[in-house]
Amino acid sequence: MKILASLLISLIAILAITTFFLGGYRSAFEADQQCHYEKWNNYGEDISFGCDHDLETQQWILFEAGENHQPATVIKRFSYRRLL
């Protein structure tokens, strides 16, 4: 039973570490570049679409602005991680 628990904990730790190091972009600059590229590539110069930086969640957000002060619609998130 202890061996099974140890294996399960090890598997969870490996998955968490792998997700951290392989998931998302390596910097805010890379996430910013990808967000603006996809905005331009998919929506051109349409001013109702934009990219915004969310410092709290460490991501760039591609969004469509709402009309008449309605909330914006999030289209895609570009997460990055800061190392130290």
N, C-alpha and C. Protein backbone atom coordinates (compact mmCIF):
# COMPACT_ATOMS: atom_id res chain seq x y z
N MET A 1 0.82 -1.20 0.00
CA MET A 1 0.00 0.00 0.00
C MET A 1 0.86 1.26 0.00
N LYS A 2 1.97 1.23 0.78
CA LYS A 2 2.85 2.39 0.82
C LYS A 2 3.54 2.59 -0.53
N ILE A 3 3.83 1.51 -1.20
CA ILE A 3 4.48 1.61 -2.51
C ILE A 3 3.53 2.25 -3.52
N LEU A 4 2.28 1.85 -3.48
CA LEU A 4 1.28 2.41 -4.39
C LEU A 4 1.10 3.91 -4.13
N ALA A 5 1.05 4.30 -2.88
CA ALA A 5 0.91 5.71 -2.53
C ALA A 5 2.14 6.49 -2.99
N SER A 6 3.32 5.94 -2.81
CA SER A 6 4.56 6.60 -3.25
C SER A 6 4.58 6.76 -4.77
N LEU A 7 4.15 5.74 -5.49
CA LEU A 7 4.10 5.82 -6.95
C LEU A 7 3.11 6.88 -7.41
N LEU A 8 1.97 6.94 -6.77
CA LEU A 8 0.95 7.93 -7.13
C LEU A 8 1.45 9.35 -6.88
N ILE A 9 2.09 9.58 -5.76
CA ILE A 9 2.64 10.90 -5.44
C ILE A 9 3.74 11.27 -6.43
N SER A 10 4.58 10.31 -6.78
CA SER A 10 5.65 10.56 -7.75
C SER A 10 5.08 10.92 -9.11
N LEU A 11 4.04 10.22 -9.53
CA LEU A 11 3.41 10.48 -10.82
C LEU A 11 2.80 11.89 -10.85
N ILE A 12 2.14 12.26 -9.79
CA ILE A 12 1.54 13.60 -9.70
C ILE A 12 2.64 14.67 -9.75
N ALA A 13 3.74 14.45 -9.04
CA ALA A 13 4.84 15.41 -9.04
C ALA A 13 5.46 15.54 -10.43
N ILE A 14 5.64 14.44 -11.12
CA ILE A 14 6.22 14.47 -12.47
C ILE A 14 5.30 15.21 -13.42
N LEU A 15 4.00 14.97 -13.34
CA LEU A 15 3.04 15.66 -14.20
C LEU A 15 3.03 17.17 -13.93
N ALA A 16 3.09 17.54 -12.67
CA ALA A 16 3.08 18.96 -12.31
C ALA A 16 4.33 19.66 -12.82
N ILE A 17 5.48 19.04 -12.65
CA ILE A 17 6.74 19.63 -13.11
C ILE A 17 6.76 19.73 -14.62
N THR A 18 6.32 18.68 -15.30
CA THR A 18 6.29 18.69 -16.77
C THR A 18 5.36 19.77 -17.28
N THR A 19 4.20 19.91 -16.68
CA THR A 19 3.25 20.94 -17.11
C THR A 19 3.83 22.33 -16.90
N PHE A 20 4.52 22.54 -15.80
CA PHE A 20 5.11 23.85 -15.53
C PHE A 20 6.17 24.22 -16.55
N PHE A 21 7.07 23.28 -16.85
CA PHE A 21 8.19 23.59 -17.73
C PHE A 21 7.84 23.52 -19.21
N LEU A 22 6.83 22.77 -19.59
CA LEU A 22 6.49 22.65 -21.00
C LEU A 22 5.26 23.43 -21.41
N GLY A 23 4.48 23.91 -20.47
CA GLY A 23 3.24 24.61 -20.78
C GLY A 23 3.44 26.11 -20.93
N GLY A 24 2.69 26.71 -21.81
CA GLY A 24 2.71 28.16 -21.97
C GLY A 24 3.96 28.68 -22.64
N TYR A 25 4.11 30.00 -22.59
CA TYR A 25 5.25 30.68 -23.19
C TYR A 25 6.30 30.94 -22.11
N ARG A 26 7.53 31.10 -22.54
CA ARG A 26 8.62 31.26 -21.58
C ARG A 26 8.78 32.68 -21.08
N SER A 27 8.13 33.64 -21.74
CA SER A 27 8.24 35.03 -21.30
C SER A 27 7.00 35.81 -21.71
N ALA A 28 6.83 36.96 -21.08
CA ALA A 28 5.72 37.84 -21.43
C ALA A 28 5.89 38.35 -22.86
N PHE A 29 7.14 38.56 -23.28
CA PHE A 29 7.41 39.03 -24.63
C PHE A 29 6.88 38.03 -25.67
N GLU A 30 7.17 36.74 -25.47
CA GLU A 30 6.70 35.72 -26.42
C GLU A 30 5.18 35.65 -26.46
N ALA A 31 4.54 35.72 -25.30
CA ALA A 31 3.08 35.68 -25.25
C ALA A 31 2.49 36.92 -25.93
N ASP A 32 3.10 38.08 -25.71
CA ASP A 32 2.66 39.33 -26.35
C ASP A 32 2.77 39.23 -27.86
N GLN A 33 3.89 38.75 -28.34
CA GLN A 33 4.09 38.62 -29.78
C GLN A 33 3.06 37.69 -30.42
N GLN A 34 2.79 36.56 -29.77
CA GLN A 34 1.83 35.60 -30.31
C GLN A 34 0.41 36.17 -30.31
N CYS A 35 0.04 36.87 -29.25
CA CYS A 35 -1.29 37.47 -29.17
C CYS A 35 -1.48 38.49 -30.29
N HIS A 36 -0.52 39.37 -30.46
CA HIS A 36 -0.65 40.40 -31.50
C HIS A 36 -0.58 39.79 -32.90
N TYR A 37 0.22 38.74 -33.07
CA TYR A 37 0.28 38.07 -34.37
C TYR A 37 -1.08 37.47 -34.73
N GLU A 38 -1.68 36.74 -33.77
CA GLU A 38 -2.98 36.11 -34.05
C GLU A 38 -4.06 37.16 -34.26
N LYS A 39 -4.00 38.25 -33.52
CA LYS A 39 -4.97 39.34 -33.72
C LYS A 39 -4.86 39.88 -35.14
N TRP A 40 -3.65 40.20 -35.56
CA TRP A 40 -3.46 40.76 -36.89
C TRP A 40 -3.80 39.73 -37.98
N ASN A 41 -3.37 38.49 -37.79
CA ASN A 41 -3.58 37.44 -38.78
C ASN A 41 -5.06 37.10 -38.96
N ASN A 42 -5.82 37.09 -37.86
CA ASN A 42 -7.23 36.66 -37.92
C ASN A 42 -8.21 37.82 -38.07
N TYR A 43 -7.87 39.01 -37.55
CA TYR A 43 -8.84 40.11 -37.52
C TYR A 43 -8.33 41.39 -38.17
N GLY A 44 -7.11 41.38 -38.67
CA GLY A 44 -6.56 42.54 -39.36
C GLY A 44 -6.55 43.79 -38.50
N GLU A 45 -6.96 44.88 -39.08
CA GLU A 45 -6.94 46.17 -38.38
C GLU A 45 -8.27 46.50 -37.68
N ASP A 46 -9.13 45.51 -37.52
CA ASP A 46 -10.43 45.71 -36.86
C ASP A 46 -10.20 46.17 -35.42
N ILE A 47 -10.64 47.38 -35.09
CA ILE A 47 -10.37 47.95 -33.77
C ILE A 47 -11.23 47.36 -32.66
N SER A 48 -12.18 46.51 -32.99
CA SER A 48 -13.00 45.89 -31.94
C SER A 48 -12.28 44.70 -31.31
N PHE A 49 -11.11 44.31 -31.84
CA PHE A 49 -10.31 43.24 -31.27
C PHE A 49 -9.03 43.81 -30.71
N GLY A 50 -8.56 43.22 -29.61
CA GLY A 50 -7.34 43.74 -29.00
C GLY A 50 -6.64 42.70 -28.16
N CYS A 51 -5.44 43.04 -27.71
CA CYS A 51 -4.66 42.21 -26.80
C CYS A 51 -4.41 43.03 -25.54
N ASP A 52 -4.54 42.40 -24.39
CA ASP A 52 -4.33 43.09 -23.13
C ASP A 52 -3.49 42.21 -22.22
N HIS A 53 -2.63 42.84 -21.43
CA HIS A 53 -1.75 42.12 -20.52
C HIS A 53 -2.36 42.07 -19.13
N ASP A 54 -2.51 40.87 -18.59
CA ASP A 54 -3.01 40.70 -17.23
C ASP A 54 -1.84 40.27 -16.35
N LEU A 55 -1.33 41.19 -15.55
CA LEU A 55 -0.18 40.92 -14.70
C LEU A 55 -0.48 39.90 -13.61
N GLU A 56 -1.68 39.98 -13.06
CA GLU A 56 -2.04 39.12 -11.94
C GLU A 56 -2.01 37.64 -12.31
N THR A 57 -2.50 37.31 -13.50
CA THR A 57 -2.56 35.90 -13.92
C THR A 57 -1.44 35.55 -14.90
N GLN A 58 -0.54 36.48 -15.17
CA GLN A 58 0.60 36.29 -16.06
C GLN A 58 0.17 35.74 -17.42
N GLN A 59 -0.66 36.52 -18.10
CA GLN A 59 -1.09 36.11 -19.43
C GLN A 59 -1.47 37.32 -20.27
N TRP A 60 -1.38 37.15 -21.57
CA TRP A 60 -1.91 38.10 -22.53
C TRP A 60 -3.24 37.54 -22.99
N ILE A 61 -4.20 38.43 -23.21
CA ILE A 61 -5.56 38.00 -23.55
C ILE A 61 -5.97 38.64 -24.87
N LEU A 62 -6.38 37.81 -25.82
CA LEU A 62 -6.96 38.29 -27.08
C LEU A 62 -8.46 38.38 -26.85
N PHE A 63 -9.02 39.56 -27.11
CA PHE A 63 -10.43 39.77 -26.79
C PHE A 63 -11.14 40.54 -27.88
N GLU A 64 -12.47 40.45 -27.85
CA GLU A 64 -13.32 41.28 -28.69
C GLU A 64 -14.07 42.23 -27.77
N ALA A 65 -13.93 43.51 -28.01
CA ALA A 65 -14.57 44.52 -27.16
C ALA A 65 -16.08 44.42 -27.29
N GLY A 66 -16.77 44.63 -26.17
CA GLY A 66 -18.22 44.62 -26.18
C GLY A 66 -18.78 45.94 -26.69
N GLU A 67 -19.97 45.91 -27.23
CA GLU A 67 -20.63 47.13 -27.71
C GLU A 67 -21.46 47.73 -26.59
N ASN A 68 -21.59 49.06 -26.61
CA ASN A 68 -22.41 49.79 -25.64
C ASN A 68 -22.05 49.44 -24.19
N HIS A 69 -20.77 49.41 -23.92
CA HIS A 69 -20.23 49.16 -22.58
C HIS A 69 -20.52 47.75 -22.05
N GLN A 70 -20.76 46.82 -22.94
CA GLN A 70 -20.92 45.42 -22.55
C GLN A 70 -19.53 44.83 -22.28
N PRO A 71 -19.45 43.77 -21.47
CA PRO A 71 -18.14 43.16 -21.19
C PRO A 71 -17.51 42.60 -22.48
N ALA A 72 -16.20 42.61 -22.50
CA ALA A 72 -15.47 42.04 -23.63
C ALA A 72 -15.58 40.52 -23.61
N THR A 73 -15.40 39.92 -24.78
CA THR A 73 -15.40 38.47 -24.91
C THR A 73 -13.96 38.00 -25.09
N VAL A 74 -13.51 37.10 -24.21
CA VAL A 74 -12.16 36.56 -24.32
C VAL A 74 -12.15 35.52 -25.43
N ILE A 75 -11.23 35.69 -26.37
CA ILE A 75 -11.12 34.75 -27.48
C ILE A 75 -10.05 33.71 -27.18
N LYS A 76 -8.90 34.15 -26.67
CA LYS A 76 -7.82 33.22 -26.38
C LYS A 76 -6.90 33.81 -25.32
N ARG A 77 -6.30 32.93 -24.53
CA ARG A 77 -5.35 33.35 -23.48
C ARG A 77 -3.97 32.81 -23.83
N PHE A 78 -2.96 33.63 -23.58
CA PHE A 78 -1.57 33.27 -23.85
C PHE A 78 -0.81 33.36 -22.53
N SER A 79 -0.74 32.26 -21.82
CA SER A 79 -0.10 32.24 -20.51
C SER A 79 1.42 32.17 -20.66
N TYR A 80 2.11 32.79 -19.72
CA TYR A 80 3.56 32.70 -19.66
C TYR A 80 3.96 32.52 -18.20
N ARG A 81 5.19 32.17 -18.00
CA ARG A 81 5.67 32.00 -16.64
C ARG A 81 6.94 32.81 -16.46
N ARG A 82 7.03 33.45 -15.33
CA ARG A 82 8.26 34.17 -14.98
C ARG A 82 9.10 33.24 -14.13
N LEU A 83 10.34 33.15 -14.47
CA LEU A 83 11.25 32.34 -13.66
C LEU A 83 12.02 33.29 -12.74
N LEU A 84 11.67 33.22 -11.46
CA LEU A 84 12.25 34.06 -10.43
C LEU A 84 12.00 35.47 -10.73
